Amino acid sequence: WTSEKYLKWMRTRICIKCGDIHAEPHHLKGVGNMSGGGLTSPDILAVPLCRSCHDEMHRNPELWPYQWELICRTVLDAVNRNILVVK
Protein backbone atom coordinates (compact mmCIF):
# COMPACT_ATOMS: atom_id res chain seq x y z
CA TRP A 1 0.00 0.00 0.00
CA THR A 2 1.44 3.33 -1.05
CA SER A 3 -0.09 6.75 -0.51
CA GLU A 4 1.67 9.99 -1.33
CA LYS A 5 -1.21 11.82 0.42
CA TYR A 6 -0.47 9.92 3.65
CA LEU A 7 3.28 10.56 3.40
CA LYS A 8 2.69 14.24 2.62
CA TRP A 9 0.49 14.53 5.72
CA MET A 10 3.19 12.78 7.76
CA ARG A 11 5.73 15.44 6.70
CA THR A 12 3.48 18.06 8.35
CA ARG A 13 3.54 16.25 11.71
CA ILE A 14 6.03 16.59 14.54
CA CYS A 15 8.47 13.78 15.31
CA ILE A 16 6.44 11.20 17.20
CA LYS A 17 9.48 10.25 19.28
CA CYS A 18 11.02 13.57 20.39
CA GLY A 19 8.60 16.31 19.25
CA ASP A 20 10.95 18.01 16.75
CA ILE A 21 8.96 19.96 14.16
CA HIS A 22 10.98 18.63 11.21
CA ALA A 23 9.51 15.15 10.66
CA GLU A 24 9.85 12.82 7.70
CA PRO A 25 8.34 9.37 7.11
CA HIS A 26 10.22 6.41 8.56
CA HIS A 27 9.06 3.02 7.25
CA LEU A 28 9.01 -0.06 9.45
CA LYS A 29 12.44 -1.65 9.66
CA GLY A 30 13.72 -5.04 10.72
CA VAL A 31 10.51 -7.07 10.66
CA GLY A 32 10.36 -10.23 8.58
CA ASN A 33 10.71 -9.67 4.86
CA MET A 34 8.94 -6.28 4.83
CA SER A 35 12.21 -4.35 4.87
CA GLY A 36 15.87 -4.68 4.01
CA GLY A 37 17.54 -5.63 0.77
CA GLY A 38 16.08 -2.65 -1.07
CA LEU A 39 12.53 -3.29 0.17
CA THR A 40 10.35 -0.63 1.77
CA SER A 41 7.41 -1.55 3.96
CA PRO A 42 3.92 -0.26 3.05
CA ASP A 43 3.26 3.43 3.77
CA ILE A 44 0.66 2.50 6.40
CA LEU A 45 3.63 1.18 8.41
CA ALA A 46 5.43 4.53 8.44
CA VAL A 47 5.79 7.05 11.27
CA PRO A 48 6.89 10.71 11.39
CA LEU A 49 10.44 10.96 12.76
CA CYS A 50 12.96 13.79 12.67
CA ARG A 51 16.29 13.06 10.97
CA SER A 52 18.04 12.36 14.28
CA CYS A 53 15.40 9.90 15.53
CA HIS A 54 15.16 8.36 12.04
CA ASP A 55 18.90 7.70 11.98
CA GLU A 56 18.79 6.33 15.53
CA MET A 57 15.95 3.95 14.60
CA HIS A 58 17.98 2.59 11.68
CA ARG A 59 21.14 2.21 13.78
CA ASN A 60 19.66 0.60 16.88
CA PRO A 61 17.85 -2.74 16.42
CA GLU A 62 16.82 -2.60 20.10
CA LEU A 63 14.36 0.19 19.11
CA TRP A 64 12.70 -1.83 16.33
CA PRO A 65 10.02 -3.45 18.56
CA TYR A 66 9.00 0.08 19.66
CA GLN A 67 8.03 0.86 16.05
CA TRP A 68 4.71 -0.97 16.52
CA GLU A 69 3.60 1.46 19.21
CA LEU A 70 4.64 4.43 17.06
CA ILE A 71 2.76 3.00 14.05
CA CYS A 72 -0.40 2.54 16.13
CA ARG A 73 -0.17 6.10 17.45
CA THR A 74 0.38 7.47 13.93
CA VAL A 75 -2.52 5.53 12.41
CA LEU A 76 -4.84 6.59 15.25
CA ASP A 77 -3.84 10.25 14.71
CA ALA A 78 -4.49 9.89 10.98
CA VAL A 79 -7.92 8.31 11.57
CA ASN A 80 -8.88 11.01 14.08
CA ARG A 81 -7.93 13.68 11.53
CA ASN A 82 -9.77 11.94 8.67
CA ILE A 83 -6.54 11.35 6.78
CA LEU A 84 -7.21 7.63 6.89
CA VAL A 85 -10.86 6.66 6.67
CA VAL A 86 -11.87 3.37 8.23
CA LYS A 87 -14.96 1.83 6.63
PDB file of N, CA and C in Angstrom:
ATOM      1  N   TRP A   1       0.846  -1.170   0.000  1.00  0.00           N
ATOM      2  CA  TRP A   1       0.000   0.000   0.000  1.00  0.00           C
ATOM      3  C   TRP A   1       0.886   1.226   0.000  1.00  0.00           C
ATOM      4  N   THR A   2       0.694   2.076  -0.986  1.00  0.00           N
ATOM      5  CA  THR A   2       1.435   3.330  -1.051  1.00  0.00           C
ATOM      6  C   THR A   2       0.427   4.480  -1.117  1.00  0.00           C
ATOM      7  N   SER A   3       0.786   5.583  -0.499  1.00  0.00           N
ATOM      8  CA  SER A   3      -0.091   6.751  -0.513  1.00  0.00           C
ATOM      9  C   SER A   3       0.748   8.004  -0.337  1.00  0.00           C
ATOM     10  N   GLU A   4       0.935   8.734  -1.416  1.00  0.00           N
ATOM     11  CA  GLU A   4       1.673   9.988  -1.329  1.00  0.00           C
ATOM     12  C   GLU A   4       0.926  10.976  -0.440  1.00  0.00           C
ATOM     13  N   LYS A   5      -0.412  10.938  -0.447  1.00  0.00           N
ATOM     14  CA  LYS A   5      -1.207  11.817   0.421  1.00  0.00           C
ATOM     15  C   LYS A   5      -0.865  11.552   1.890  1.00  0.00           C
ATOM     16  N   TYR A   6      -0.778  10.287   2.267  1.00  0.00           N
ATOM     17  CA  TYR A   6      -0.468   9.918   3.653  1.00  0.00           C
ATOM     18  C   TYR A   6       0.945  10.371   4.023  1.00  0.00           C
ATOM     19  N   LEU A   7       1.905  10.145   3.132  1.00  0.00           N
ATOM     20  CA  LEU A   7       3.283  10.558   3.404  1.00  0.00           C
ATOM     21  C   LEU A   7       3.407  12.076   3.462  1.00  0.00           C
ATOM     22  N   LYS A   8       2.672  12.775   2.597  1.00  0.00           N
ATOM     23  CA  LYS A   8       2.689  14.241   2.620  1.00  0.00           C
ATOM     24  C   LYS A   8       2.145  14.745   3.950  1.00  0.00           C
ATOM     25  N   TRP A   9       1.053  14.161   4.419  1.00  0.00           N
ATOM     26  CA  TRP A   9       0.493  14.530   5.722  1.00  0.00           C
ATOM     27  C   TRP A   9       1.524  14.279   6.826  1.00  0.00           C
ATOM     28  N   MET A  10       2.211  13.142   6.738  1.00  0.00           N
ATOM     29  CA  MET A  10       3.189  12.782   7.756  1.00  0.00           C
ATOM     30  C   MET A  10       4.309  13.827   7.835  1.00  0.00           C
ATOM     31  N   ARG A  11       4.682  14.406   6.718  1.00  0.00           N
ATOM     32  CA  ARG A  11       5.729  15.439   6.701  1.00  0.00           C
ATOM     33  C   ARG A  11       5.283  16.728   7.385  1.00  0.00           C
ATOM     34  N   THR A  12       3.983  16.873   7.642  1.00  0.00           N
ATOM     35  CA  THR A  12       3.478  18.055   8.347  1.00  0.00           C
ATOM     36  C   THR A  12       3.416  17.830   9.854  1.00  0.00           C
ATOM     37  N   ARG A  13       3.644  16.611  10.296  1.00  0.00           N
ATOM     38  CA  ARG A  13       3.541  16.250  11.713  1.00  0.00           C
ATOM     39  C   ARG A  13       4.860  16.520  12.437  1.00  0.00           C
ATOM     40  N   ILE A  14       4.803  16.518  13.754  1.00  0.00           N
ATOM     41  CA  ILE A  14       6.034  16.591  14.537  1.00  0.00           C
ATOM     42  C   ILE A  14       6.588  15.176  14.699  1.00  0.00           C
ATOM     43  N   CYS A  15       7.851  15.088  15.064  1.00  0.00           N
ATOM     44  CA  CYS A  15       8.468  13.784  15.313  1.00  0.00           C
ATOM     45  C   CYS A  15       7.708  13.107  16.454  1.00  0.00           C
ATOM     46  N   ILE A  16       7.242  11.916  16.208  1.00  0.00           N
ATOM     47  CA  ILE A  16       6.444  11.204  17.197  1.00  0.00           C
ATOM     48  C   ILE A  16       7.282  10.721  18.376  1.00  0.00           C
ATOM     49  N   LYS A  17       8.589  10.724  18.219  1.00  0.00           N
ATOM     50  CA  LYS A  17       9.479  10.249  19.279  1.00  0.00           C
ATOM     51  C   LYS A  17       9.973  11.390  20.175  1.00  0.00           C
ATOM     52  N   CYS A  18      10.416  12.500  19.583  1.00  0.00           N
ATOM     53  CA  CYS A  18      11.021  13.572  20.395  1.00  0.00           C
ATOM     54  C   CYS A  18      10.283  14.901  20.314  1.00  0.00           C
ATOM     55  N   GLY A  19       9.358  15.067  19.364  1.00  0.00           N
ATOM     56  CA  GLY A  19       8.598  16.305  19.253  1.00  0.00           C
ATOM     57  C   GLY A  19       9.205  17.363  18.345  1.00  0.00           C
ATOM     58  N   ASP A  20      10.339  17.062  17.697  1.00  0.00           N
ATOM     59  CA  ASP A  20      10.948  18.006  16.753  1.00  0.00           C
ATOM     60  C   ASP A  20       9.949  18.315  15.636  1.00  0.00           C
ATOM     61  N   ILE A  21       9.943  19.548  15.180  1.00  0.00           N
ATOM     62  CA  ILE A  21       8.964  19.956  14.163  1.00  0.00           C
ATOM     63  C   ILE A  21       9.340  19.540  12.747  1.00  0.00           C
ATOM     64  N   HIS A  22      10.530  19.006  12.551  1.00  0.00           N
ATOM     65  CA  HIS A  22      10.978  18.632  11.205  1.00  0.00           C
ATOM     66  C   HIS A  22      10.902  17.116  11.029  1.00  0.00           C
ATOM     67  N   ALA A  23       9.705  16.595  10.778  1.00  0.00           N
ATOM     68  CA  ALA A  23       9.513  15.148  10.656  1.00  0.00           C
ATOM     69  C   ALA A  23       9.524  14.712   9.201  1.00  0.00           C
ATOM     70  N   GLU A  24       9.877  13.466   9.009  1.00  0.00           N
ATOM     71  CA  GLU A  24       9.853  12.817   7.703  1.00  0.00           C
ATOM     72  C   GLU A  24       9.364  11.389   7.936  1.00  0.00           C
ATOM     73  N   PRO A  25       8.823  10.738   6.923  1.00  0.00           N
ATOM     74  CA  PRO A  25       8.339   9.374   7.113  1.00  0.00           C
ATOM     75  C   PRO A  25       9.484   8.376   7.322  1.00  0.00           C
ATOM     76  N   HIS A  26       9.324   7.551   8.323  1.00  0.00           N
ATOM     77  CA  HIS A  26      10.217   6.411   8.557  1.00  0.00           C
ATOM     78  C   HIS A  26       9.366   5.165   8.375  1.00  0.00           C
ATOM     79  N   HIS A  27       9.790   4.264   7.483  1.00  0.00           N
ATOM     80  CA  HIS A  27       9.064   3.021   7.245  1.00  0.00           C
ATOM     81  C   HIS A  27       9.597   1.917   8.150  1.00  0.00           C
ATOM     82  N   LEU A  28       8.690   1.067   8.591  1.00  0.00           N
ATOM     83  CA  LEU A  28       9.007  -0.063   9.448  1.00  0.00           C
ATOM     84  C   LEU A  28      10.286  -0.756   9.004  1.00  0.00           C
ATOM     85  N   LYS A  29      11.142  -1.052   9.959  1.00  0.00           N
ATOM     86  CA  LYS A  29      12.439  -1.651   9.664  1.00  0.00           C
ATOM     87  C   LYS A  29      12.645  -2.878  10.535  1.00  0.00           C
ATOM     88  N   GLY A  30      13.271  -3.900   9.943  1.00  0.00           N
ATOM     89  CA  GLY A  30      13.724  -5.043  10.720  1.00  0.00           C
ATOM     90  C   GLY A  30      12.666  -6.055  11.089  1.00  0.00           C
ATOM     91  N   VAL A  31      11.568  -6.115  10.348  1.00  0.00           N
ATOM     92  CA  VAL A  31      10.511  -7.073  10.659  1.00  0.00           C
ATOM     93  C   VAL A  31      10.277  -7.982   9.457  1.00  0.00           C
ATOM     94  N   GLY A  32      10.596  -9.248   9.639  1.00  0.00           N
ATOM     95  CA  GLY A  32      10.364 -10.234   8.584  1.00  0.00           C
ATOM     96  C   GLY A  32      10.957  -9.808   7.254  1.00  0.00           C
ATOM     97  N   ASN A  33      10.223 -10.036   6.187  1.00  0.00           N
ATOM     98  CA  ASN A  33      10.710  -9.670   4.858  1.00  0.00           C
ATOM     99  C   ASN A  33      10.018  -8.416   4.330  1.00  0.00           C
ATOM    100  N   MET A  34       9.567  -7.531   5.250  1.00  0.00           N
ATOM    101  CA  MET A  34       8.941  -6.275   4.833  1.00  0.00           C
ATOM    102  C   MET A  34       9.944  -5.151   4.665  1.00  0.00           C
ATOM    103  N   SER A  35      11.200  -5.392   5.020  1.00  0.00           N
ATOM    104  CA  SER A  35      12.210  -4.348   4.870  1.00  0.00           C
ATOM    105  C   SER A  35      13.570  -4.997   4.677  1.00  0.00           C
ATOM    106  N   GLY A  36      14.523  -4.176   4.264  1.00  0.00           N
ATOM    107  CA  GLY A  36      15.874  -4.684   4.014  1.00  0.00           C
ATOM    108  C   GLY A  36      16.037  -5.102   2.568  1.00  0.00           C
ATOM    109  N   GLY A  37      17.256  -5.179   2.132  1.00  0.00           N
ATOM    110  CA  GLY A  37      17.535  -5.627   0.766  1.00  0.00           C
ATOM    111  C   GLY A  37      16.843  -4.811  -0.303  1.00  0.00           C
ATOM    112  N   GLY A  38      16.710  -3.506  -0.079  1.00  0.00           N
ATOM    113  CA  GLY A  38      16.080  -2.646  -1.071  1.00  0.00           C
ATOM    114  C   GLY A  38      14.565  -2.615  -0.988  1.00  0.00           C
ATOM    115  N   LEU A  39      13.982  -3.285   0.006  1.00  0.00           N
ATOM    116  CA  LEU A  39      12.530  -3.289   0.168  1.00  0.00           C
ATOM    117  C   LEU A  39      12.102  -2.176   1.118  1.00  0.00           C
ATOM    118  N   THR A  40      10.945  -1.614   0.870  1.00  0.00           N
ATOM    119  CA  THR A  40      10.353  -0.628   1.770  1.00  0.00           C
ATOM    120  C   THR A  40       8.995  -1.160   2.188  1.00  0.00           C
ATOM    121  N   SER A  41       8.707  -1.077   3.473  1.00  0.00           N
ATOM    122  CA  SER A  41       7.410  -1.550   3.958  1.00  0.00           C
ATOM    123  C   SER A  41       6.301  -0.638   3.433  1.00  0.00           C
ATOM    124  N   PRO A  42       5.038  -1.088   3.507  1.00  0.00           N
ATOM    125  CA  PRO A  42       3.920  -0.259   3.053  1.00  0.00           C
ATOM    126  C   PRO A  42       3.856   1.070   3.816  1.00  0.00           C
ATOM    127  N   ASP A  43       3.332   2.093   3.156  1.00  0.00           N
ATOM    128  CA  ASP A  43       3.263   3.427   3.767  1.00  0.00           C
ATOM    129  C   ASP A  43       2.433   3.441   5.043  1.00  0.00           C
ATOM    130  N   ILE A  44       1.463   2.545   5.180  1.00  0.00           N
ATOM    131  CA  ILE A  44       0.660   2.496   6.403  1.00  0.00           C
ATOM    132  C   ILE A  44       1.527   2.131   7.608  1.00  0.00           C
ATOM    133  N   LEU A  45       2.701   1.562   7.344  1.00  0.00           N
ATOM    134  CA  LEU A  45       3.632   1.180   8.407  1.00  0.00           C
ATOM    135  C   LEU A  45       4.772   2.187   8.519  1.00  0.00           C
ATOM    136  N   ALA A  46       4.452   3.451   8.311  1.00  0.00           N
ATOM    137  CA  ALA A  46       5.435   4.532   8.445  1.00  0.00           C
ATOM    138  C   ALA A  46       5.037   5.435   9.607  1.00  0.00           C
ATOM    139  N   VAL A  47       6.026   6.115  10.157  1.00  0.00           N
ATOM    140  CA  VAL A  47       5.793   7.054  11.266  1.00  0.00           C
ATOM    141  C   VAL A  47       6.595   8.327  11.016  1.00  0.00           C
ATOM    142  N   PRO A  48       6.133   9.474  11.553  1.00  0.00           N
ATOM    143  CA  PRO A  48       6.892  10.713  11.391  1.00  0.00           C
ATOM    144  C   PRO A  48       8.037  10.794  12.404  1.00  0.00           C
ATOM    145  N   LEU A  49       9.261  10.812  11.921  1.00  0.00           N
ATOM    146  CA  LEU A  49      10.445  10.956  12.761  1.00  0.00           C
ATOM    147  C   LEU A  49      11.324  12.068  12.211  1.00  0.00           C
ATOM    148  N   CYS A  50      11.973  12.815  13.110  1.00  0.00           N
ATOM    149  CA  CYS A  50      12.962  13.791  12.667  1.00  0.00           C
ATOM    150  C   CYS A  50      14.194  13.037  12.174  1.00  0.00           C
ATOM    151  N   ARG A  51      15.098  13.709  11.535  1.00  0.00           N
ATOM    152  CA  ARG A  51      16.286  13.063  10.968  1.00  0.00           C
ATOM    153  C   ARG A  51      17.093  12.346  12.047  1.00  0.00           C
ATOM    154  N   SER A  52      17.258  12.964  13.210  1.00  0.00           N
ATOM    155  CA  SER A  52      18.044  12.359  14.282  1.00  0.00           C
ATOM    156  C   SER A  52      17.401  11.058  14.781  1.00  0.00           C
ATOM    157  N   CYS A  53      16.102  11.097  15.062  1.00  0.00           N
ATOM    158  CA  CYS A  53      15.405   9.896  15.534  1.00  0.00           C
ATOM    159  C   CYS A  53      15.330   8.834  14.436  1.00  0.00           C
ATOM    160  N   HIS A  54      15.185   9.272  13.185  1.00  0.00           N
ATOM    161  CA  HIS A  54      15.160   8.360  12.043  1.00  0.00           C
ATOM    162  C   HIS A  54      16.487   7.599  11.953  1.00  0.00           C
ATOM    163  N   ASP A  55      17.571   8.334  12.024  1.00  0.00           N
ATOM    164  CA  ASP A  55      18.897   7.696  11.975  1.00  0.00           C
ATOM    165  C   ASP A  55      19.093   6.747  13.148  1.00  0.00           C
ATOM    166  N   GLU A  56      18.662   7.170  14.340  1.00  0.00           N
ATOM    167  CA  GLU A  56      18.792   6.325  15.529  1.00  0.00           C
ATOM    168  C   GLU A  56      17.989   5.032  15.363  1.00  0.00           C
ATOM    169  N   MET A  57      16.790   5.137  14.800  1.00  0.00           N
ATOM    170  CA  MET A  57      15.954   3.954  14.597  1.00  0.00           C
ATOM    171  C   MET A  57      16.634   2.968  13.657  1.00  0.00           C
ATOM    172  N   HIS A  58      17.288   3.470  12.619  1.00  0.00           N
ATOM    173  CA  HIS A  58      17.982   2.592  11.677  1.00  0.00           C
ATOM    174  C   HIS A  58      19.232   1.965  12.297  1.00  0.00           C
ATOM    175  N   ARG A  59      19.894   2.690  13.169  1.00  0.00           N
ATOM    176  CA  ARG A  59      21.144   2.214  13.780  1.00  0.00           C
ATOM    177  C   ARG A  59      20.939   1.225  14.912  1.00  0.00           C
ATOM    178  N   ASN A  60      19.827   1.334  15.629  1.00  0.00           N
ATOM    179  CA  ASN A  60      19.660   0.604  16.877  1.00  0.00           C
ATOM    180  C   ASN A  60      18.533  -0.434  16.795  1.00  0.00           C
ATOM    181  N   PRO A  61      18.872  -1.695  16.513  1.00  0.00           N
ATOM    182  CA  PRO A  61      17.849  -2.740  16.421  1.00  0.00           C
ATOM    183  C   PRO A  61      17.042  -2.928  17.713  1.00  0.00           C
ATOM    184  N   GLU A  62      17.569  -2.484  18.847  1.00  0.00           N
ATOM    185  CA  GLU A  62      16.816  -2.601  20.096  1.00  0.00           C
ATOM    186  C   GLU A  62      15.559  -1.727  20.079  1.00  0.00           C
ATOM    187  N   LEU A  63      15.534  -0.690  19.217  1.00  0.00           N
ATOM    188  CA  LEU A  63      14.363   0.186  19.106  1.00  0.00           C
ATOM    189  C   LEU A  63      13.292  -0.380  18.173  1.00  0.00           C
ATOM    190  N   TRP A  64      13.633  -1.354  17.354  1.00  0.00           N
ATOM    191  CA  TRP A  64      12.703  -1.832  16.333  1.00  0.00           C
ATOM    192  C   TRP A  64      11.373  -2.330  16.887  1.00  0.00           C
ATOM    193  N   PRO A  65      11.329  -3.045  18.029  1.00  0.00           N
ATOM    194  CA  PRO A  65      10.017  -3.447  18.556  1.00  0.00           C
ATOM    195  C   PRO A  65       9.126  -2.257  18.922  1.00  0.00           C
ATOM    196  N   TYR A  66       9.718  -1.142  19.294  1.00  0.00           N
ATOM    197  CA  TYR A  66       9.001   0.083  19.657  1.00  0.00           C
ATOM    198  C   TYR A  66       8.258   0.690  18.459  1.00  0.00           C
ATOM    199  N   GLN A  67       8.678   0.318  17.248  1.00  0.00           N
ATOM    200  CA  GLN A  67       8.031   0.859  16.046  1.00  0.00           C
ATOM    201  C   GLN A  67       6.536   0.562  16.020  1.00  0.00           C
ATOM    202  N   TRP A  68       6.130  -0.600  16.550  1.00  0.00           N
ATOM    203  CA  TRP A  68       4.710  -0.970  16.516  1.00  0.00           C
ATOM    204  C   TRP A  68       3.851   0.019  17.295  1.00  0.00           C
ATOM    205  N   GLU A  69       4.332   0.461  18.454  1.00  0.00           N
ATOM    206  CA  GLU A  69       3.598   1.463  19.215  1.00  0.00           C
ATOM    207  C   GLU A  69       3.514   2.774  18.431  1.00  0.00           C
ATOM    208  N   LEU A  70       4.620   3.183  17.830  1.00  0.00           N
ATOM    209  CA  LEU A  70       4.640   4.433  17.059  1.00  0.00           C
ATOM    210  C   LEU A  70       3.706   4.343  15.852  1.00  0.00           C
ATOM    211  N   ILE A  71       3.665   3.190  15.196  1.00  0.00           N
ATOM    212  CA  ILE A  71       2.765   2.998  14.051  1.00  0.00           C
ATOM    213  C   ILE A  71       1.318   3.116  14.512  1.00  0.00           C
ATOM    214  N   CYS A  72       0.974   2.468  15.609  1.00  0.00           N
ATOM    215  CA  CYS A  72      -0.401   2.539  16.126  1.00  0.00           C
ATOM    216  C   CYS A  72      -0.789   3.969  16.470  1.00  0.00           C
ATOM    217  N   ARG A  73       0.109   4.701  17.106  1.00  0.00           N
ATOM    218  CA  ARG A  73      -0.174   6.102  17.453  1.00  0.00           C
ATOM    219  C   ARG A  73      -0.349   6.955  16.205  1.00  0.00           C
ATOM    220  N   THR A  74       0.472   6.705  15.179  1.00  0.00           N
ATOM    221  CA  THR A  74       0.380   7.472  13.930  1.00  0.00           C
ATOM    222  C   THR A  74      -0.914   7.178  13.197  1.00  0.00           C
ATOM    223  N   VAL A  75      -1.278   5.908  13.089  1.00  0.00           N
ATOM    224  CA  VAL A  75      -2.523   5.527  12.409  1.00  0.00           C
ATOM    225  C   VAL A  75      -3.725   6.109  13.141  1.00  0.00           C
ATOM    226  N   LEU A  76      -3.736   6.031  14.469  1.00  0.00           N
ATOM    227  CA  LEU A  76      -4.844   6.592  15.246  1.00  0.00           C
ATOM    228  C   LEU A  76      -4.959   8.098  15.009  1.00  0.00           C
ATOM    229  N   ASP A  77      -3.838   8.802  14.989  1.00  0.00           N
ATOM    230  CA  ASP A  77      -3.844  10.246  14.715  1.00  0.00           C
ATOM    231  C   ASP A  77      -4.423  10.506  13.324  1.00  0.00           C
ATOM    232  N   ALA A  78      -4.007   9.711  12.350  1.00  0.00           N
ATOM    233  CA  ALA A  78      -4.490   9.893  10.978  1.00  0.00           C
ATOM    234  C   ALA A  78      -5.991   9.617  10.876  1.00  0.00           C
ATOM    235  N   VAL A  79      -6.482   8.608  11.571  1.00  0.00           N
ATOM    236  CA  VAL A  79      -7.921   8.307  11.570  1.00  0.00           C
ATOM    237  C   VAL A  79      -8.682   9.441  12.237  1.00  0.00           C
ATOM    238  N   ASN A  80      -8.201   9.915  13.371  1.00  0.00           N
ATOM    239  CA  ASN A  80      -8.876  11.008  14.082  1.00  0.00           C
ATOM    240  C   ASN A  80      -8.921  12.297  13.280  1.00  0.00           C
ATOM    241  N   ARG A  81      -7.974  12.479  12.375  1.00  0.00           N
ATOM    242  CA  ARG A  81      -7.928  13.682  11.535  1.00  0.00           C
ATOM    243  C   ARG A  81      -8.531  13.459  10.144  1.00  0.00           C
ATOM    244  N   ASN A  82      -9.152  12.308   9.941  1.00  0.00           N
ATOM    245  CA  ASN A  82      -9.773  11.936   8.667  1.00  0.00           C
ATOM    246  C   ASN A  82      -8.777  11.868   7.515  1.00  0.00           C
ATOM    247  N   ILE A  83      -7.526  11.584   7.815  1.00  0.00           N
ATOM    248  CA  ILE A  83      -6.536  11.352   6.776  1.00  0.00           C
ATOM    249  C   ILE A  83      -6.674   9.931   6.270  1.00  0.00           C
ATOM    250  N   LEU A  84      -6.878   9.024   7.198  1.00  0.00           N
ATOM    251  CA  LEU A  84      -7.205   7.626   6.887  1.00  0.00           C
ATOM    252  C   LEU A  84      -8.657   7.421   7.288  1.00  0.00           C
ATOM    253  N   VAL A  85      -9.450   6.896   6.383  1.00  0.00           N
ATOM    254  CA  VAL A  85     -10.863   6.664   6.667  1.00  0.00           C
ATOM    255  C   VAL A  85     -11.071   5.165   6.816  1.00  0.00           C
ATOM    256  N   VAL A  86     -11.593   4.781   7.957  1.00  0.00           N
ATOM    257  CA  VAL A  86     -11.872   3.373   8.233  1.00  0.00           C
ATOM    258  C   VAL A  86     -13.335   3.132   7.899  1.00  0.00           C
ATOM    259  N   LYS A  87     -13.579   2.141   7.047  1.00  0.00           N
ATOM    260  CA  LYS A  87     -14.961   1.833   6.630  1.00  0.00           C
ATOM    261  C   LYS A  87     -15.372   0.493   7.172  1.00  0.00           C
TER     262      LYS A  87
END
